[in-house]
Amino acid sequence: MAIKLDLVGKKSAPLTHKYSWRDTVLYALGVGAQADEIDYLFEMNGPKVLPTFAVVPSFNALIAVTSELNVNPMMILHGEQGITLHRPIPAEGTLTTVAEVTGIYDKGKGALAVVIARTTDEKNEPLFDNQFSIFVRGEGGFGGERGPEATKADPPAGKAPDFTHTQATLPTQALLYRLSGDLNPLHASAQFAKMGGFDRPILHGLCSYGHAGRAVLQHAAGGDPKRFKSFFARFSGVVFPGDTLTTEGWQISPGKYVVSTKTQDGKQVLSNAIAEIG
């Protein structure tokens, strides 16, 4: 199979996503929300919506784009994820997303496709944007540009983190998170996990991303989703349901944090991560 390079610059058809407070609460539970985060879990308190819920309404746009790449889906890795919030996400609504492949780059052993998905509300006003980077193993070597170098976001040497948040994931975490829309059997079936090279189902990268986003929201934004402006991260390691995640953040300038997430054995699973707080 050869990746379709002519997709660069093309936009998807508008995709709509209707959701209610039940979906936002289910997502919050899926990324580990606890009883002391009741504002995100109880409809009579709004509920508030976690900023990283932005990945859910745009997920079908990502699937639509990757299905057009003409590649083996088992060779696709979700490399990086970023969200930019224009305002807090409402507890219910019908949103519309248009996705565009902005670049396909030759990384030698694979190809890197970058997708921007812009989501608007019922009034066609911008609500949030997603940036997905998809690495396709075995599709490199076609002679294309390597693309821009990734921005380095390492914790400041010798500086203690400004916040640390540790939480164990549930053994059933992937089974819970997949109910928010990512039904890839890799996260539920041992048989499919083995086909992907793992001895058991793995946790969704976007679930780990949601855990880290909660930590940023609590510790850097004071629990106020209106202050949460953006969060970009690289998926750099595998998490298994039941692993413990520790997310640390270092403020490097007013409102800007370098973020890192590791498992209980010290393996980094989210790196090159930057969060911006207003």
C-alpha atoms as a PDB file:
ATOM      1  CA  MET A   1       0.000   0.000   0.000  1.00  0.00           C
ATOM      2  CA  ALA A   2       1.183   3.537  -0.753  1.00  0.00           C
ATOM      3  CA  ILE A   3       0.085   6.485   1.330  1.00  0.00           C
ATOM      4  CA  LYS A   4      -2.019   9.013  -0.591  1.00  0.00           C
ATOM      5  CA  LEU A   5       0.094  12.154  -0.710  1.00  0.00           C
ATOM      6  CA  ASP A   6      -2.539  14.088  -2.654  1.00  0.00           C
ATOM      7  CA  LEU A   7      -4.671  14.371   0.488  1.00  0.00           C
ATOM      8  CA  VAL A   8      -2.535  17.295   1.663  1.00  0.00           C
ATOM      9  CA  GLY A   9      -4.617  20.464   1.646  1.00  0.00           C
ATOM     10  CA  LYS A  10      -7.923  18.687   1.237  1.00  0.00           C
ATOM     11  CA  LYS A  11     -10.687  19.207   3.775  1.00  0.00           C
ATOM     12  CA  SER A  12     -13.166  16.642   4.992  1.00  0.00           C
ATOM     13  CA  ALA A  13     -16.893  17.008   4.678  1.00  0.00           C
ATOM     14  CA  PRO A  14     -18.378  18.649   7.795  1.00  0.00           C
ATOM     15  CA  LEU A  15     -19.068  16.030  10.468  1.00  0.00           C
ATOM     16  CA  THR A  16     -21.610  16.700  13.203  1.00  0.00           C
ATOM     17  CA  HIS A  17     -21.521  15.364  16.742  1.00  0.00           C
ATOM     18  CA  LYS A  18     -24.491  15.683  19.091  1.00  0.00           C
ATOM     19  CA  TYR A  19     -23.846  15.093  22.785  1.00  0.00           C
ATOM     20  CA  SER A  20     -25.431  15.637  26.200  1.00  0.00           C
ATOM     21  CA  TRP A  21     -24.244  15.949  29.796  1.00  0.00           C
ATOM     22  CA  ARG A  22     -24.223  12.140  30.014  1.00  0.00           C
ATOM     23  CA  ASP A  23     -21.444  12.033  27.414  1.00  0.00           C
ATOM     24  CA  THR A  24     -19.320  14.623  29.213  1.00  0.00           C
ATOM     25  CA  VAL A  25     -19.731  12.787  32.528  1.00  0.00           C
ATOM     26  CA  LEU A  26     -18.915   9.434  30.920  1.00  0.00           C
ATOM     27  CA  TYR A  27     -15.776  10.976  29.447  1.00  0.00           C
ATOM     28  CA  ALA A  28     -14.761  12.430  32.822  1.00  0.00           C
ATOM     29  CA  LEU A  29     -15.128   9.001  34.441  1.00  0.00           C
ATOM     30  CA  GLY A  30     -13.220   7.479  31.539  1.00  0.00           C
ATOM     31  CA  VAL A  31     -10.201   9.689  32.221  1.00  0.00           C
ATOM     32  CA  GLY A  32     -10.255   9.005  35.954  1.00  0.00           C
ATOM     33  CA  ALA A  33     -12.328  11.800  37.496  1.00  0.00           C
ATOM     34  CA  GLN A  34     -12.857  11.273  41.223  1.00  0.00           C
ATOM     35  CA  ALA A  35     -15.680  12.065  43.645  1.00  0.00           C
ATOM     36  CA  ASP A  36     -14.025  15.334  44.682  1.00  0.00           C
ATOM     37  CA  GLU A  37     -14.432  16.501  41.060  1.00  0.00           C
ATOM     38  CA  ILE A  38     -18.208  16.371  41.431  1.00  0.00           C
ATOM     39  CA  ASP A  39     -18.776  19.472  39.259  1.00  0.00           C
ATOM     40  CA  TYR A  40     -17.728  17.351  36.274  1.00  0.00           C
ATOM     41  CA  LEU A  41     -19.778  14.323  37.322  1.00  0.00           C
ATOM     42  CA  PHE A  42     -23.160  15.610  38.511  1.00  0.00           C
ATOM     43  CA  GLU A  43     -25.686  17.112  36.092  1.00  0.00           C
ATOM     44  CA  MET A  44     -27.226  19.394  38.741  1.00  0.00           C
ATOM     45  CA  ASN A  45     -23.851  21.118  38.994  1.00  0.00           C
ATOM     46  CA  GLY A  46     -23.908  21.922  35.279  1.00  0.00           C
ATOM     47  CA  PRO A  47     -21.963  19.809  34.779  1.00  0.00           C
ATOM     48  CA  LYS A  48     -18.685  21.488  33.945  1.00  0.00           C
ATOM     49  CA  VAL A  49     -16.860  19.894  31.021  1.00  0.00           C
ATOM     50  CA  LEU A  50     -13.227  18.818  31.093  1.00  0.00           C
ATOM     51  CA  PRO A  51     -11.287  20.771  28.446  1.00  0.00           C
ATOM     52  CA  THR A  52      -9.802  17.581  27.015  1.00  0.00           C
ATOM     53  CA  PHE A  53     -13.333  16.431  26.120  1.00  0.00           C
ATOM     54  CA  ALA A  54     -12.496  18.378  22.939  1.00  0.00           C
ATOM     55  CA  VAL A  55     -10.931  15.184  21.556  1.00  0.00           C
ATOM     56  CA  VAL A  56     -14.300  13.374  21.552  1.00  0.00           C
ATOM     57  CA  PRO A  57     -16.461  15.413  19.105  1.00  0.00           C
ATOM     58  CA  SER A  58     -13.551  15.557  16.623  1.00  0.00           C
ATOM     59  CA  PHE A  59     -12.578  11.877  16.885  1.00  0.00           C
ATOM     60  CA  ASN A  60     -14.712  10.783  13.936  1.00  0.00           C
ATOM     61  CA  ALA A  61     -12.989  13.416  11.812  1.00  0.00           C
ATOM     62  CA  LEU A  62      -9.657  11.773  12.655  1.00  0.00           C
ATOM     63  CA  ILE A  63     -11.056   8.366  11.723  1.00  0.00           C
ATOM     64  CA  ALA A  64     -12.445   9.749   8.457  1.00  0.00           C
ATOM     65  CA  VAL A  65      -9.087  11.221   7.483  1.00  0.00           C
ATOM     66  CA  THR A  66      -7.018   8.154   8.402  1.00  0.00           C
ATOM     67  CA  SER A  67      -9.392   5.945   6.412  1.00  0.00           C
ATOM     68  CA  GLU A  68      -8.545   8.017   3.318  1.00  0.00           C
ATOM     69  CA  LEU A  69      -4.771   7.646   3.712  1.00  0.00           C
ATOM     70  CA  ASN A  70      -4.784   4.200   2.024  1.00  0.00           C
ATOM     71  CA  VAL A  71      -2.663   2.575   4.734  1.00  0.00           C
ATOM     72  CA  ASN A  72      -2.912  -0.519   6.933  1.00  0.00           C
ATOM     73  CA  PRO A  73      -4.756   0.630  10.091  1.00  0.00           C
ATOM     74  CA  MET A  74      -2.686  -1.789  12.196  1.00  0.00           C
ATOM     75  CA  MET A  75       0.412   0.234  11.251  1.00  0.00           C
ATOM     76  CA  ILE A  76      -0.988   3.561  12.478  1.00  0.00           C
ATOM     77  CA  LEU A  77       0.259   5.131  15.702  1.00  0.00           C
ATOM     78  CA  HIS A  78      -1.252   8.249  17.234  1.00  0.00           C
ATOM     79  CA  GLY A  79       1.955  10.237  17.666  1.00  0.00           C
ATOM     80  CA  GLU A  80       0.930  13.625  19.037  1.00  0.00           C
ATOM     81  CA  GLN A  81      -2.208  15.410  20.170  1.00  0.00           C
ATOM     82  CA  GLY A  82      -3.008  19.027  20.822  1.00  0.00           C
ATOM     83  CA  ILE A  83      -6.118  21.030  21.645  1.00  0.00           C
ATOM     84  CA  THR A  84      -6.715  24.769  21.597  1.00  0.00           C
ATOM     85  CA  LEU A  85      -9.832  26.041  23.398  1.00  0.00           C
ATOM     86  CA  HIS A  86     -11.517  29.262  22.304  1.00  0.00           C
ATOM     87  CA  ARG A  87     -13.961  29.106  25.231  1.00  0.00           C
ATOM     88  CA  PRO A  88     -15.308  26.526  27.696  1.00  0.00           C
ATOM     89  CA  ILE A  89     -17.146  23.566  26.169  1.00  0.00           C
ATOM     90  CA  PRO A  90     -20.901  23.531  26.911  1.00  0.00           C
ATOM     91  CA  ALA A  91     -22.463  20.531  28.656  1.00  0.00           C
ATOM     92  CA  GLU A  92     -24.558  19.686  25.606  1.00  0.00           C
ATOM     93  CA  GLY A  93     -24.841  20.661  21.984  1.00  0.00           C
ATOM     94  CA  THR A  94     -24.399  19.759  18.336  1.00  0.00           C
ATOM     95  CA  LEU A  95     -20.930  20.536  17.053  1.00  0.00           C
ATOM     96  CA  THR A  96     -19.497  20.482  13.530  1.00  0.00           C
ATOM     97  CA  THR A  97     -15.915  19.547  12.685  1.00  0.00           C
ATOM     98  CA  VAL A  98     -13.975  19.986   9.453  1.00  0.00           C
ATOM     99  CA  ALA A  99     -10.578  18.264   9.247  1.00  0.00           C
ATOM    100  CA  GLU A 100      -7.696  19.051   6.914  1.00  0.00           C
ATOM    101  CA  VAL A 101      -4.470  17.143   6.245  1.00  0.00           C
ATOM    102  CA  THR A 102      -1.897  19.930   6.473  1.00  0.00           C
ATOM    103  CA  GLY A 103       1.172  17.812   5.735  1.00  0.00           C
ATOM    104  CA  ILE A 104       2.503  14.307   5.068  1.00  0.00           C
ATOM    105  CA  TYR A 105       6.193  13.964   5.858  1.00  0.00           C
ATOM    106  CA  ASP A 106       8.823  11.328   5.114  1.00  0.00           C
ATOM    107  CA  LYS A 107      10.390  10.118   8.351  1.00  0.00           C
ATOM    108  CA  GLY A 108      12.354   7.254   6.789  1.00  0.00           C
ATOM    109  CA  LYS A 109      10.868   4.301   8.663  1.00  0.00           C
ATOM    110  CA  GLY A 110       7.414   5.756   8.381  1.00  0.00           C
ATOM    111  CA  ALA A 111       5.262   8.653   7.259  1.00  0.00           C
ATOM    112  CA  LEU A 112       3.918  11.399   9.502  1.00  0.00           C
ATOM    113  CA  ALA A 113       0.525  12.883   8.662  1.00  0.00           C
ATOM    114  CA  VAL A 114      -0.559  16.078  10.424  1.00  0.00           C
ATOM    115  CA  VAL A 115      -4.287  16.811  10.644  1.00  0.00           C
ATOM    116  CA  ILE A 116      -5.969  19.985  11.890  1.00  0.00           C
ATOM    117  CA  ALA A 117      -9.623  19.659  12.905  1.00  0.00           C
ATOM    118  CA  ARG A 118     -11.625  22.806  13.606  1.00  0.00           C
ATOM    119  CA  THR A 119     -14.872  22.518  15.548  1.00  0.00           C
ATOM    120  CA  THR A 120     -17.701  25.058  15.642  1.00  0.00           C
ATOM    121  CA  ASP A 121     -20.990  25.281  17.552  1.00  0.00           C
ATOM    122  CA  GLU A 122     -24.589  25.612  16.317  1.00  0.00           C
ATOM    123  CA  LYS A 123     -23.962  29.304  15.524  1.00  0.00           C
ATOM    124  CA  ASN A 124     -20.889  28.365  13.453  1.00  0.00           C
ATOM    125  CA  GLU A 125     -18.648  30.060  16.001  1.00  0.00           C
ATOM    126  CA  PRO A 126     -15.241  28.484  16.749  1.00  0.00           C
ATOM    127  CA  LEU A 127     -15.209  26.388  19.922  1.00  0.00           C
ATOM    128  CA  PHE A 128     -11.947  24.413  19.810  1.00  0.00           C
ATOM    129  CA  ASP A 129      -9.297  23.056  17.450  1.00  0.00           C
ATOM    130  CA  ASN A 130      -7.511  19.697  17.506  1.00  0.00           C
ATOM    131  CA  GLN A 131      -4.149  18.868  16.007  1.00  0.00           C
ATOM    132  CA  PHE A 132      -3.426  15.179  15.402  1.00  0.00           C
ATOM    133  CA  SER A 133      -0.099  13.739  14.305  1.00  0.00           C
ATOM    134  CA  ILE A 134      -0.356  10.212  12.925  1.00  0.00           C
ATOM    135  CA  PHE A 135       2.730   8.055  12.362  1.00  0.00           C
ATOM    136  CA  VAL A 136       2.300   5.275   9.800  1.00  0.00           C
ATOM    137  CA  ARG A 137       4.932   2.573  10.160  1.00  0.00           C
ATOM    138  CA  GLY A 138       6.490   1.307   6.932  1.00  0.00           C
ATOM    139  CA  GLU A 139       5.207   4.160   4.740  1.00  0.00           C
ATOM    140  CA  GLY A 140       8.357   6.288   4.691  1.00  0.00           C
ATOM    141  CA  GLY A 141      11.062   6.442   2.064  1.00  0.00           C
ATOM    142  CA  PHE A 142       8.948   8.113  -0.614  1.00  0.00           C
ATOM    143  CA  GLY A 143      11.339  11.042  -0.970  1.00  0.00           C
ATOM    144  CA  GLY A 144       9.208  13.709   0.636  1.00  0.00           C
ATOM    145  CA  GLU A 145      10.137  16.477   3.038  1.00  0.00           C
ATOM    146  CA  ARG A 146      10.980  15.440   6.594  1.00  0.00           C
ATOM    147  CA  GLY A 147       8.852  18.240   7.948  1.00  0.00           C
ATOM    148  CA  PRO A 148       9.565  20.702  10.748  1.00  0.00           C
ATOM    149  CA  GLU A 149      11.568  19.510  13.716  1.00  0.00           C
ATOM    150  CA  ALA A 150       9.516  18.870  16.831  1.00  0.00           C
ATOM    151  CA  THR A 151       9.642  21.596  19.460  1.00  0.00           C
ATOM    152  CA  LYS A 152      11.621  20.416  22.471  1.00  0.00           C
ATOM    153  CA  ALA A 153       9.782  20.796  25.761  1.00  0.00           C
ATOM    154  CA  ASP A 154      12.039  19.339  28.433  1.00  0.00           C
ATOM    155  CA  PRO A 155      11.594  20.083  32.143  1.00  0.00           C
ATOM    156  CA  PRO A 156      14.036  22.764  33.376  1.00  0.00           C
ATOM    157  CA  ALA A 157      17.215  21.076  34.594  1.00  0.00           C
ATOM    158  CA  GLY A 158      17.540  20.998  38.362  1.00  0.00           C
ATOM    159  CA  LYS A 159      14.144  22.581  39.026  1.00  0.00           C
ATOM    160  CA  ALA A 160      11.564  20.763  41.133  1.00  0.00           C
ATOM    161  CA  PRO A 161       8.123  20.485  39.520  1.00  0.00           C
ATOM    162  CA  ASP A 162       5.548  23.086  40.455  1.00  0.00           C
ATOM    163  CA  PHE A 163       2.957  20.339  40.752  1.00  0.00           C
ATOM    164  CA  THR A 164       2.832  16.557  40.948  1.00  0.00           C
ATOM    165  CA  HIS A 165      -0.315  14.483  40.527  1.00  0.00           C
ATOM    166  CA  THR A 166      -0.322  10.690  40.958  1.00  0.00           C
ATOM    167  CA  GLN A 167      -3.281   8.419  40.270  1.00  0.00           C
ATOM    168  CA  ALA A 168      -3.709   4.724  39.542  1.00  0.00           C
ATOM    169  CA  THR A 169      -5.760   3.836  36.488  1.00  0.00           C
ATOM    170  CA  LEU A 170      -8.419   1.149  36.821  1.00  0.00           C
ATOM    171  CA  PRO A 171      -7.912  -2.373  35.455  1.00  0.00           C
ATOM    172  CA  THR A 172     -11.092  -1.627  33.485  1.00  0.00           C
ATOM    173  CA  GLN A 173     -10.019   1.906  32.443  1.00  0.00           C
ATOM    174  CA  ALA A 174      -9.732   1.148  28.726  1.00  0.00           C
ATOM    175  CA  LEU A 175     -13.104  -0.595  28.698  1.00  0.00           C
ATOM    176  CA  LEU A 176     -14.645   2.499  30.283  1.00  0.00           C
ATOM    177  CA  TYR A 177     -12.841   5.050  28.117  1.00  0.00           C
ATOM    178  CA  ARG A 178     -13.741   3.311  24.840  1.00  0.00           C
ATOM    179  CA  LEU A 179     -17.422   4.122  25.501  1.00  0.00           C
ATOM    180  CA  SER A 180     -16.561   7.722  24.581  1.00  0.00           C
ATOM    181  CA  GLY A 181     -16.083   6.648  20.983  1.00  0.00           C
ATOM    182  CA  ASP A 182     -12.684   5.020  20.409  1.00  0.00           C
ATOM    183  CA  LEU A 183     -13.788   1.425  19.884  1.00  0.00           C
ATOM    184  CA  ASN A 184     -10.455   0.109  18.562  1.00  0.00           C
ATOM    185  CA  PRO A 185     -10.424  -3.546  19.718  1.00  0.00           C
ATOM    186  CA  LEU A 186      -6.727  -3.175  20.544  1.00  0.00           C
ATOM    187  CA  HIS A 187      -7.913  -1.666  23.834  1.00  0.00           C
ATOM    188  CA  ALA A 188     -10.370  -4.420  24.731  1.00  0.00           C
ATOM    189  CA  SER A 189      -9.393  -7.750  23.163  1.00  0.00           C
ATOM    190  CA  ALA A 190      -6.269  -9.734  24.051  1.00  0.00           C
ATOM    191  CA  GLN A 191      -6.406 -11.297  20.596  1.00  0.00           C
ATOM    192  CA  PHE A 192      -6.318  -7.928  18.818  1.00  0.00           C
ATOM    193  CA  ALA A 193      -3.701  -6.627  21.244  1.00  0.00           C
ATOM    194  CA  LYS A 194      -1.406  -9.505  20.266  1.00  0.00           C
ATOM    195  CA  MET A 195      -1.957  -8.660  16.598  1.00  0.00           C
ATOM    196  CA  GLY A 196      -0.676  -5.184  17.456  1.00  0.00           C
ATOM    197  CA  GLY A 197       2.376  -6.566  19.220  1.00  0.00           C
ATOM    198  CA  PHE A 198       1.178  -6.355  22.843  1.00  0.00           C
ATOM    199  CA  ASP A 199       0.602  -9.198  25.274  1.00  0.00           C
ATOM    200  CA  ARG A 200      -2.621  -7.619  26.575  1.00  0.00           C
ATOM    201  CA  PRO A 201      -4.898  -4.658  25.770  1.00  0.00           C
ATOM    202  CA  ILE A 202      -3.334  -1.233  26.195  1.00  0.00           C
ATOM    203  CA  LEU A 203      -4.828   2.019  27.437  1.00  0.00           C
ATOM    204  CA  HIS A 204      -5.828   4.608  24.872  1.00  0.00           C
ATOM    205  CA  GLY A 205      -3.227   7.335  24.484  1.00  0.00           C
ATOM    206  CA  LEU A 206      -6.049   9.863  24.652  1.00  0.00           C
ATOM    207  CA  CYS A 207      -7.067   8.418  28.019  1.00  0.00           C
ATOM    208  CA  SER A 208      -3.569   9.080  29.405  1.00  0.00           C
ATOM    209  CA  TYR A 209      -3.784  12.517  27.788  1.00  0.00           C
ATOM    210  CA  GLY A 210      -7.078  13.118  29.614  1.00  0.00           C
ATOM    211  CA  HIS A 211      -5.535  12.080  32.941  1.00  0.00           C
ATOM    212  CA  ALA A 212      -2.713  14.575  32.372  1.00  0.00           C
ATOM    213  CA  GLY A 213      -5.164  17.269  31.307  1.00  0.00           C
ATOM    214  CA  ARG A 214      -7.084  16.827  34.573  1.00  0.00           C
ATOM    215  CA  ALA A 215      -3.839  17.270  36.500  1.00  0.00           C
ATOM    216  CA  VAL A 216      -3.079  20.490  34.612  1.00  0.00           C
ATOM    217  CA  LEU A 217      -6.623  21.750  35.164  1.00  0.00           C
ATOM    218  CA  GLN A 218      -6.518  21.063  38.916  1.00  0.00           C
ATOM    219  CA  HIS A 219      -3.024  22.243  39.735  1.00  0.00           C
ATOM    220  CA  ALA A 220      -2.200  24.923  37.150  1.00  0.00           C
ATOM    221  CA  ALA A 221      -5.652  26.345  36.328  1.00  0.00           C
ATOM    222  CA  GLY A 222      -7.146  26.143  39.825  1.00  0.00           C
ATOM    223  CA  GLY A 223      -9.892  23.844  38.551  1.00  0.00           C
ATOM    224  CA  ASP A 224     -11.298  26.569  36.271  1.00  0.00           C
ATOM    225  CA  PRO A 225     -11.847  25.353  32.678  1.00  0.00           C
ATOM    226  CA  LYS A 226     -12.127  28.975  31.490  1.00  0.00           C
ATOM    227  CA  ARG A 227      -8.392  29.338  32.199  1.00  0.00           C
ATOM    228  CA  PHE A 228      -7.392  26.223  30.233  1.00  0.00           C
ATOM    229  CA  LYS A 229      -6.239  27.483  26.811  1.00  0.00           C
ATOM    230  CA  SER A 230      -4.247  24.688  25.142  1.00  0.00           C
ATOM    231  CA  PHE A 231      -2.477  21.391  25.742  1.00  0.00           C
ATOM    232  CA  PHE A 232      -0.090  19.675  23.314  1.00  0.00           C
ATOM    233  CA  ALA A 233       1.698  16.380  24.017  1.00  0.00           C
ATOM    234  CA  ARG A 234       3.598  13.535  22.364  1.00  0.00           C
ATOM    235  CA  PHE A 235       2.661   9.908  23.042  1.00  0.00           C
ATOM    236  CA  SER A 236       6.024   8.414  23.931  1.00  0.00           C
ATOM    237  CA  GLY A 237       5.180   5.166  25.723  1.00  0.00           C
ATOM    238  CA  VAL A 238       2.557   2.509  26.317  1.00  0.00           C
ATOM    239  CA  VAL A 239       0.230   2.456  29.321  1.00  0.00           C
ATOM    240  CA  PHE A 240      -1.609  -0.669  30.471  1.00  0.00           C
ATOM    241  CA  PRO A 241      -4.891  -0.498  32.411  1.00  0.00           C
ATOM    242  CA  GLY A 242      -4.025  -0.610  36.099  1.00  0.00           C
ATOM    243  CA  ASP A 243      -0.781   1.356  35.703  1.00  0.00           C
ATOM    244  CA  THR A 244      -0.219   4.358  37.952  1.00  0.00           C
ATOM    245  CA  LEU A 245       0.321   7.692  36.203  1.00  0.00           C
ATOM    246  CA  THR A 246       2.314  10.550  37.681  1.00  0.00           C
ATOM    247  CA  THR A 247       1.968  13.900  35.924  1.00  0.00           C
ATOM    248  CA  GLU A 248       4.344  16.730  36.768  1.00  0.00           C
ATOM    249  CA  GLY A 249       4.333  20.330  35.600  1.00  0.00           C
ATOM    250  CA  TRP A 250       6.986  23.053  35.548  1.00  0.00           C
ATOM    251  CA  GLN A 251       6.024  26.681  35.005  1.00  0.00           C
ATOM    252  CA  ILE A 252       8.515  28.089  32.496  1.00  0.00           C
ATOM    253  CA  SER A 253       6.845  31.467  31.966  1.00  0.00           C
ATOM    254  CA  PRO A 254       3.600  33.118  33.093  1.00  0.00           C
ATOM    255  CA  GLY A 255       0.784  30.731  32.183  1.00  0.00           C
ATOM    256  CA  LYS A 256       3.029  28.244  30.369  1.00  0.00           C
ATOM    257  CA  TYR A 257       3.895  24.802  31.750  1.00  0.00           C
ATOM    258  CA  VAL A 258       6.088  21.945  30.580  1.00  0.00           C
ATOM    259  CA  VAL A 259       4.298  18.706  31.452  1.00  0.00           C
ATOM    260  CA  SER A 260       5.514  15.114  31.735  1.00  0.00           C
ATOM    261  CA  THR A 261       3.640  11.907  32.568  1.00  0.00           C
ATOM    262  CA  LYS A 262       5.313   8.677  33.687  1.00  0.00           C
ATOM    263  CA  THR A 263       4.168   5.253  34.840  1.00  0.00           C
ATOM    264  CA  GLN A 264       5.033   3.660  38.195  1.00  0.00           C
ATOM    265  CA  ASP A 265       8.264   2.231  36.754  1.00  0.00           C
ATOM    266  CA  GLY A 266       9.487   5.655  35.625  1.00  0.00           C
ATOM    267  CA  LYS A 267       8.684   5.129  31.933  1.00  0.00           C
ATOM    268  CA  GLN A 268       7.696   8.369  30.244  1.00  0.00           C
ATOM    269  CA  VAL A 269       4.408   8.076  28.359  1.00  0.00           C
ATOM    270  CA  LEU A 270       3.642  11.742  27.599  1.00  0.00           C
ATOM    271  CA  SER A 271       6.530  13.989  26.641  1.00  0.00           C
ATOM    272  CA  ASN A 272       7.227  17.253  24.787  1.00  0.00           C
ATOM    273  CA  ALA A 273       4.066  18.493  26.455  1.00  0.00           C
ATOM    274  CA  ILE A 274       3.128  22.153  26.840  1.00  0.00           C
ATOM    275  CA  ALA A 275       0.026  23.545  28.547  1.00  0.00           C
ATOM    276  CA  GLU A 276      -1.073  27.168  28.396  1.00  0.00           C
ATOM    277  CA  ILE A 277      -3.203  28.663  31.148  1.00  0.00           C
ATOM    278  CA  GLY A 278      -4.933  32.032  31.025  1.00  0.00           C
END
